[in-house]
């Protein structure tokens, strides 16, 4: 009986984690979550994740601009990862210096 309850609790926790991860990936679908805007009247394509705008909608549809957007997106994600890593290292360094001050 106890094993069944423990299994049920662990399964419920696992399913809740999966649902939370799925919810983060899907988002709300609101206008603020837009990724890319195609504006045919201005012959413009804007990627809102990296604040980049390119002109040449036909080139985008033929696949030429998608590589440029991909390169910029990879660079932006790399910079974000580096920023997060440096932030974590600074926090760890601050914690270490805080621990050392009390041990005189």
N, C-alpha and C. Protein backbone atom coordinates (compact mmCIF):
# COMPACT_ATOMS: atom_id res chain seq x y z
N UNK A 1 0.83 -1.20 0.00
CA UNK A 1 0.00 0.00 0.00
C UNK A 1 0.87 1.25 0.00
N UNK A 2 1.90 1.23 0.84
CA UNK A 2 2.81 2.38 0.93
C UNK A 2 3.56 2.58 -0.39
N UNK A 3 3.99 1.50 -1.00
CA UNK A 3 4.71 1.58 -2.27
C UNK A 3 3.81 2.18 -3.36
N UNK A 4 2.55 1.84 -3.36
CA UNK A 4 1.61 2.37 -4.35
C UNK A 4 1.42 3.87 -4.16
N UNK A 5 1.35 4.31 -2.91
CA UNK A 5 1.20 5.74 -2.62
C UNK A 5 2.45 6.51 -3.03
N UNK A 6 3.61 5.96 -2.70
CA UNK A 6 4.86 6.63 -3.07
C UNK A 6 5.01 6.72 -4.58
N UNK A 7 4.62 5.66 -5.28
CA UNK A 7 4.66 5.68 -6.73
C UNK A 7 3.71 6.73 -7.29
N UNK A 8 2.52 6.82 -6.73
CA UNK A 8 1.53 7.79 -7.19
C UNK A 8 2.04 9.22 -6.99
N UNK A 9 2.67 9.47 -5.86
CA UNK A 9 3.20 10.80 -5.58
C UNK A 9 4.34 11.13 -6.54
N UNK A 10 5.24 10.19 -6.76
CA UNK A 10 6.36 10.46 -7.68
C UNK A 10 5.88 10.63 -9.12
N UNK A 11 4.88 9.86 -9.51
CA UNK A 11 4.33 9.97 -10.87
C UNK A 11 3.62 11.32 -11.04
N UNK A 12 2.92 11.75 -10.02
CA UNK A 12 2.23 13.04 -10.07
C UNK A 12 3.25 14.19 -10.19
N UNK A 13 4.34 14.07 -9.45
CA UNK A 13 5.40 15.09 -9.50
C UNK A 13 6.04 15.12 -10.89
N UNK A 14 6.30 13.95 -11.45
CA UNK A 14 6.91 13.86 -12.78
C UNK A 14 6.00 14.48 -13.84
N UNK A 15 4.72 14.17 -13.77
CA UNK A 15 3.76 14.71 -14.73
C UNK A 15 3.63 16.23 -14.59
N UNK A 16 3.70 16.74 -13.36
CA UNK A 16 3.63 18.19 -13.14
C UNK A 16 4.85 18.88 -13.75
N UNK A 17 6.03 18.26 -13.64
CA UNK A 17 7.24 18.83 -14.23
C UNK A 17 7.14 18.85 -15.75
N UNK A 18 6.62 17.78 -16.32
CA UNK A 18 6.46 17.71 -17.78
C UNK A 18 5.48 18.78 -18.25
N UNK A 19 4.38 18.93 -17.53
CA UNK A 19 3.36 19.93 -17.89
C UNK A 19 3.93 21.34 -17.79
N UNK A 20 4.73 21.61 -16.76
CA UNK A 20 5.33 22.94 -16.61
C UNK A 20 6.29 23.23 -17.75
N UNK A 21 7.09 22.24 -18.12
CA UNK A 21 8.03 22.42 -19.23
C UNK A 21 7.28 22.65 -20.54
N UNK A 22 6.21 21.93 -20.75
CA UNK A 22 5.40 22.09 -21.96
C UNK A 22 4.77 23.48 -22.00
N UNK A 23 4.30 23.95 -20.86
CA UNK A 23 3.69 25.28 -20.79
C UNK A 23 4.69 26.38 -21.12
N UNK A 24 5.93 26.22 -20.67
CA UNK A 24 6.97 27.21 -20.98
C UNK A 24 7.26 27.24 -22.48
N UNK A 25 7.26 26.09 -23.11
CA UNK A 25 7.56 26.02 -24.53
C UNK A 25 6.43 26.59 -25.38
N UNK A 26 5.20 26.35 -24.99
CA UNK A 26 4.07 26.81 -25.78
C UNK A 26 3.81 28.29 -25.62
N UNK A 27 3.95 28.81 -24.41
CA UNK A 27 3.65 30.21 -24.17
C UNK A 27 2.15 30.45 -24.20
N UNK A 28 1.79 31.72 -24.27
CA UNK A 28 0.38 32.07 -24.25
C UNK A 28 -0.17 32.29 -25.64
N UNK A 29 0.70 32.48 -26.61
CA UNK A 29 0.24 32.74 -27.96
C UNK A 29 -0.13 34.19 -28.18
N UNK A 30 0.20 35.03 -27.21
CA UNK A 30 -0.14 36.45 -27.32
C UNK A 30 0.75 37.17 -28.32
N UNK A 31 0.35 38.37 -28.64
CA UNK A 31 1.07 39.16 -29.63
C UNK A 31 2.50 39.47 -29.17
N UNK A 32 2.71 39.60 -27.88
CA UNK A 32 4.03 39.93 -27.36
C UNK A 32 5.03 38.80 -27.57
N UNK A 33 4.56 37.60 -27.84
CA UNK A 33 5.45 36.46 -28.02
C UNK A 33 5.79 36.20 -29.48
N UNK A 34 5.50 37.14 -30.33
CA UNK A 34 5.77 36.93 -31.74
C UNK A 34 7.26 36.73 -31.97
N UNK A 35 7.58 35.94 -32.95
CA UNK A 35 8.97 35.63 -33.26
C UNK A 35 9.44 36.42 -34.46
N UNK A 36 8.66 36.38 -35.50
CA UNK A 36 9.08 37.04 -36.73
C UNK A 36 7.87 37.67 -37.41
N UNK A 37 8.07 38.85 -37.99
CA UNK A 37 7.02 39.55 -38.71
C UNK A 37 7.42 39.69 -40.17
N UNK A 38 6.52 39.34 -41.05
CA UNK A 38 6.74 39.49 -42.49
C UNK A 38 5.85 40.63 -42.97
N UNK A 39 6.46 41.69 -43.50
CA UNK A 39 5.71 42.84 -43.96
C UNK A 39 5.94 43.00 -45.45
N UNK A 40 4.95 42.57 -46.25
CA UNK A 40 5.14 42.56 -47.70
C UNK A 40 5.11 43.97 -48.30
N UNK A 41 4.36 44.89 -47.72
CA UNK A 41 4.28 46.23 -48.30
C UNK A 41 5.61 46.98 -48.18
N UNK A 42 6.39 46.68 -47.14
CA UNK A 42 7.70 47.31 -46.96
C UNK A 42 8.84 46.41 -47.42
N UNK A 43 8.52 45.19 -47.89
CA UNK A 43 9.53 44.21 -48.30
C UNK A 43 10.52 43.96 -47.16
N UNK A 44 9.95 43.73 -45.95
CA UNK A 44 10.75 43.66 -44.74
C UNK A 44 10.39 42.41 -43.93
N UNK A 45 11.43 41.85 -43.28
CA UNK A 45 11.26 40.74 -42.36
C UNK A 45 11.95 41.12 -41.06
N UNK A 46 11.24 41.04 -39.94
CA UNK A 46 11.81 41.39 -38.65
C UNK A 46 11.78 40.19 -37.73
N UNK A 47 12.90 39.91 -37.08
CA UNK A 47 12.97 38.85 -36.07
C UNK A 47 13.00 39.55 -34.72
N UNK A 48 11.95 39.38 -33.93
CA UNK A 48 11.79 40.12 -32.69
C UNK A 48 12.61 39.56 -31.54
N UNK A 49 13.09 38.34 -31.66
CA UNK A 49 13.91 37.76 -30.59
C UNK A 49 15.26 38.44 -30.52
N UNK A 50 15.78 38.86 -31.67
CA UNK A 50 17.12 39.46 -31.72
C UNK A 50 17.08 40.89 -32.22
N UNK A 51 15.89 41.47 -32.36
CA UNK A 51 15.71 42.84 -32.83
C UNK A 51 16.47 43.09 -34.12
N UNK A 52 16.25 42.26 -35.09
CA UNK A 52 16.93 42.37 -36.38
C UNK A 52 15.89 42.49 -37.49
N UNK A 53 16.16 43.40 -38.41
CA UNK A 53 15.28 43.61 -39.56
C UNK A 53 16.09 43.49 -40.83
N UNK A 54 15.56 42.74 -41.77
CA UNK A 54 16.20 42.57 -43.08
C UNK A 54 15.19 42.95 -44.16
N UNK A 55 15.70 43.44 -45.25
CA UNK A 55 14.84 43.79 -46.37
C UNK A 55 15.06 42.77 -47.48
N UNK A 56 13.98 42.39 -48.12
CA UNK A 56 14.04 41.40 -49.18
C UNK A 56 13.18 40.20 -48.83
N UNK A 57 11.89 40.40 -48.81
CA UNK A 57 10.96 39.33 -48.45
C UNK A 57 11.09 38.14 -49.40
N UNK A 58 11.28 38.41 -50.68
CA UNK A 58 11.43 37.32 -51.65
C UNK A 58 12.67 36.49 -51.33
N UNK A 59 13.76 37.16 -50.94
CA UNK A 59 14.99 36.44 -50.57
C UNK A 59 14.74 35.54 -49.36
N UNK A 60 13.93 36.03 -48.43
CA UNK A 60 13.61 35.24 -47.24
C UNK A 60 12.83 34.00 -47.64
N UNK A 61 11.86 34.17 -48.52
CA UNK A 61 11.04 33.04 -48.95
C UNK A 61 11.86 32.02 -49.74
N UNK A 62 12.92 32.47 -50.38
CA UNK A 62 13.79 31.56 -51.12
C UNK A 62 14.84 30.92 -50.23
N UNK A 63 14.92 31.37 -48.97
CA UNK A 63 15.83 30.77 -48.01
C UNK A 63 17.14 31.50 -47.84
N UNK A 64 17.35 32.59 -48.54
CA UNK A 64 18.64 33.29 -48.45
C UNK A 64 18.81 34.00 -47.10
N UNK A 65 17.79 34.69 -46.63
CA UNK A 65 17.91 35.45 -45.39
C UNK A 65 17.81 34.57 -44.15
N UNK A 66 17.24 33.40 -44.29
CA UNK A 66 17.06 32.55 -43.11
C UNK A 66 18.40 32.18 -42.49
N UNK A 67 19.42 32.01 -43.32
CA UNK A 67 20.76 31.72 -42.79
C UNK A 67 21.31 32.91 -42.01
N UNK A 68 21.07 34.11 -42.51
CA UNK A 68 21.54 35.30 -41.80
C UNK A 68 20.85 35.43 -40.45
N UNK A 69 19.53 35.23 -40.43
CA UNK A 69 18.80 35.27 -39.16
C UNK A 69 19.30 34.17 -38.23
N UNK A 70 19.56 32.99 -38.76
CA UNK A 70 20.05 31.88 -37.95
C UNK A 70 21.39 32.19 -37.33
N UNK A 71 22.30 32.78 -38.10
CA UNK A 71 23.62 33.14 -37.58
C UNK A 71 23.49 34.18 -36.47
N UNK A 72 22.66 35.18 -36.69
CA UNK A 72 22.47 36.22 -35.68
C UNK A 72 21.82 35.65 -34.41
N UNK A 73 20.87 34.76 -34.59
CA UNK A 73 20.20 34.15 -33.45
C UNK A 73 21.17 33.29 -32.64
N UNK A 74 22.01 32.52 -33.32
CA UNK A 74 23.02 31.71 -32.61
C UNK A 74 23.99 32.60 -31.85
N UNK A 75 24.41 33.69 -32.46
CA UNK A 75 25.32 34.61 -31.78
C UNK A 75 24.66 35.24 -30.56
N UNK A 76 23.39 35.62 -30.69
CA UNK A 76 22.68 36.23 -29.56
C UNK A 76 22.49 35.23 -28.43
N UNK A 77 22.17 33.99 -28.76
CA UNK A 77 22.01 32.96 -27.72
C UNK A 77 23.34 32.66 -27.04
N UNK A 78 24.41 32.63 -27.81
CA UNK A 78 25.74 32.42 -27.23
C UNK A 78 26.10 33.53 -26.27
N UNK A 79 25.80 34.77 -26.65
CA UNK A 79 26.08 35.91 -25.78
C UNK A 79 25.24 35.84 -24.51
N UNK A 80 23.99 35.41 -24.64
CA UNK A 80 23.12 35.28 -23.47
C UNK A 80 23.64 34.19 -22.53
N UNK A 81 24.06 33.06 -23.09
CA UNK A 81 24.63 31.99 -22.25
C UNK A 81 25.87 32.46 -21.52
N UNK A 82 26.74 33.18 -22.24
CA UNK A 82 27.96 33.70 -21.63
C UNK A 82 27.62 34.68 -20.51
N UNK A 83 26.64 35.54 -20.75
CA UNK A 83 26.22 36.50 -19.74
C UNK A 83 25.70 35.79 -18.49
N UNK A 84 24.89 34.75 -18.69
CA UNK A 84 24.36 33.99 -17.55
C UNK A 84 25.47 33.28 -16.79
N UNK A 85 26.42 32.71 -17.52
CA UNK A 85 27.54 32.02 -16.88
C UNK A 85 28.37 32.99 -16.04
N UNK A 86 28.67 34.15 -16.61
CA UNK A 86 29.44 35.14 -15.87
C UNK A 86 28.68 35.62 -14.64
N UNK A 87 27.38 35.77 -14.75
CA UNK A 87 26.56 36.17 -13.62
C UNK A 87 26.60 35.12 -12.52
N UNK A 88 26.51 33.84 -12.90
CA UNK A 88 26.57 32.75 -11.92
C UNK A 88 27.94 32.72 -11.25
N UNK A 89 29.00 32.92 -12.03
CA UNK A 89 30.34 32.92 -11.46
C UNK A 89 30.53 34.08 -10.49
N UNK A 90 29.96 35.24 -10.83
CA UNK A 90 30.04 36.39 -9.92
C UNK A 90 29.31 36.11 -8.62
N UNK A 91 28.14 35.46 -8.71
CA UNK A 91 27.38 35.12 -7.50
C UNK A 91 28.17 34.15 -6.63
N UNK A 92 28.79 33.13 -7.28
CA UNK A 92 29.57 32.16 -6.53
C UNK A 92 30.78 32.83 -5.87
N UNK A 93 31.40 33.75 -6.60
CA UNK A 93 32.53 34.48 -6.04
C UNK A 93 32.12 35.33 -4.86
N UNK A 94 30.97 35.97 -4.95
CA UNK A 94 30.47 36.80 -3.86
C UNK A 94 30.14 35.93 -2.64
N UNK A 95 29.59 34.74 -2.88
CA UNK A 95 29.29 33.84 -1.77
C UNK A 95 30.57 33.36 -1.10
N UNK A 96 31.58 33.08 -1.89
CA UNK A 96 32.86 32.62 -1.34
C UNK A 96 33.52 33.71 -0.51
N UNK A 97 33.51 34.94 -0.98
CA UNK A 97 34.12 36.02 -0.22
C UNK A 97 33.32 36.30 1.03
N UNK A 98 32.02 36.11 0.99
CA UNK A 98 31.18 36.29 2.16
C UNK A 98 31.46 35.25 3.22
N UNK A 99 31.76 34.03 2.80
CA UNK A 99 32.08 32.94 3.74
C UNK A 99 33.43 33.16 4.39
N UNK A 100 34.37 33.67 3.62
CA UNK A 100 35.73 33.86 4.13
C UNK A 100 35.85 34.98 5.15
N UNK A 101 34.99 35.97 5.13
CA UNK A 101 35.07 37.11 6.03
C UNK A 101 34.75 36.73 7.47
N UNK A 102 33.89 35.78 7.67
CA UNK A 102 33.49 35.41 9.03
C UNK A 102 34.45 34.44 9.70
N UNK A 103 35.49 33.95 9.02
CA UNK A 103 36.36 32.91 9.57
C UNK A 103 37.72 33.46 9.98
N UNK A 104 37.81 34.57 10.64
CA UNK A 104 39.11 35.13 11.05
C UNK A 104 39.62 34.52 12.29
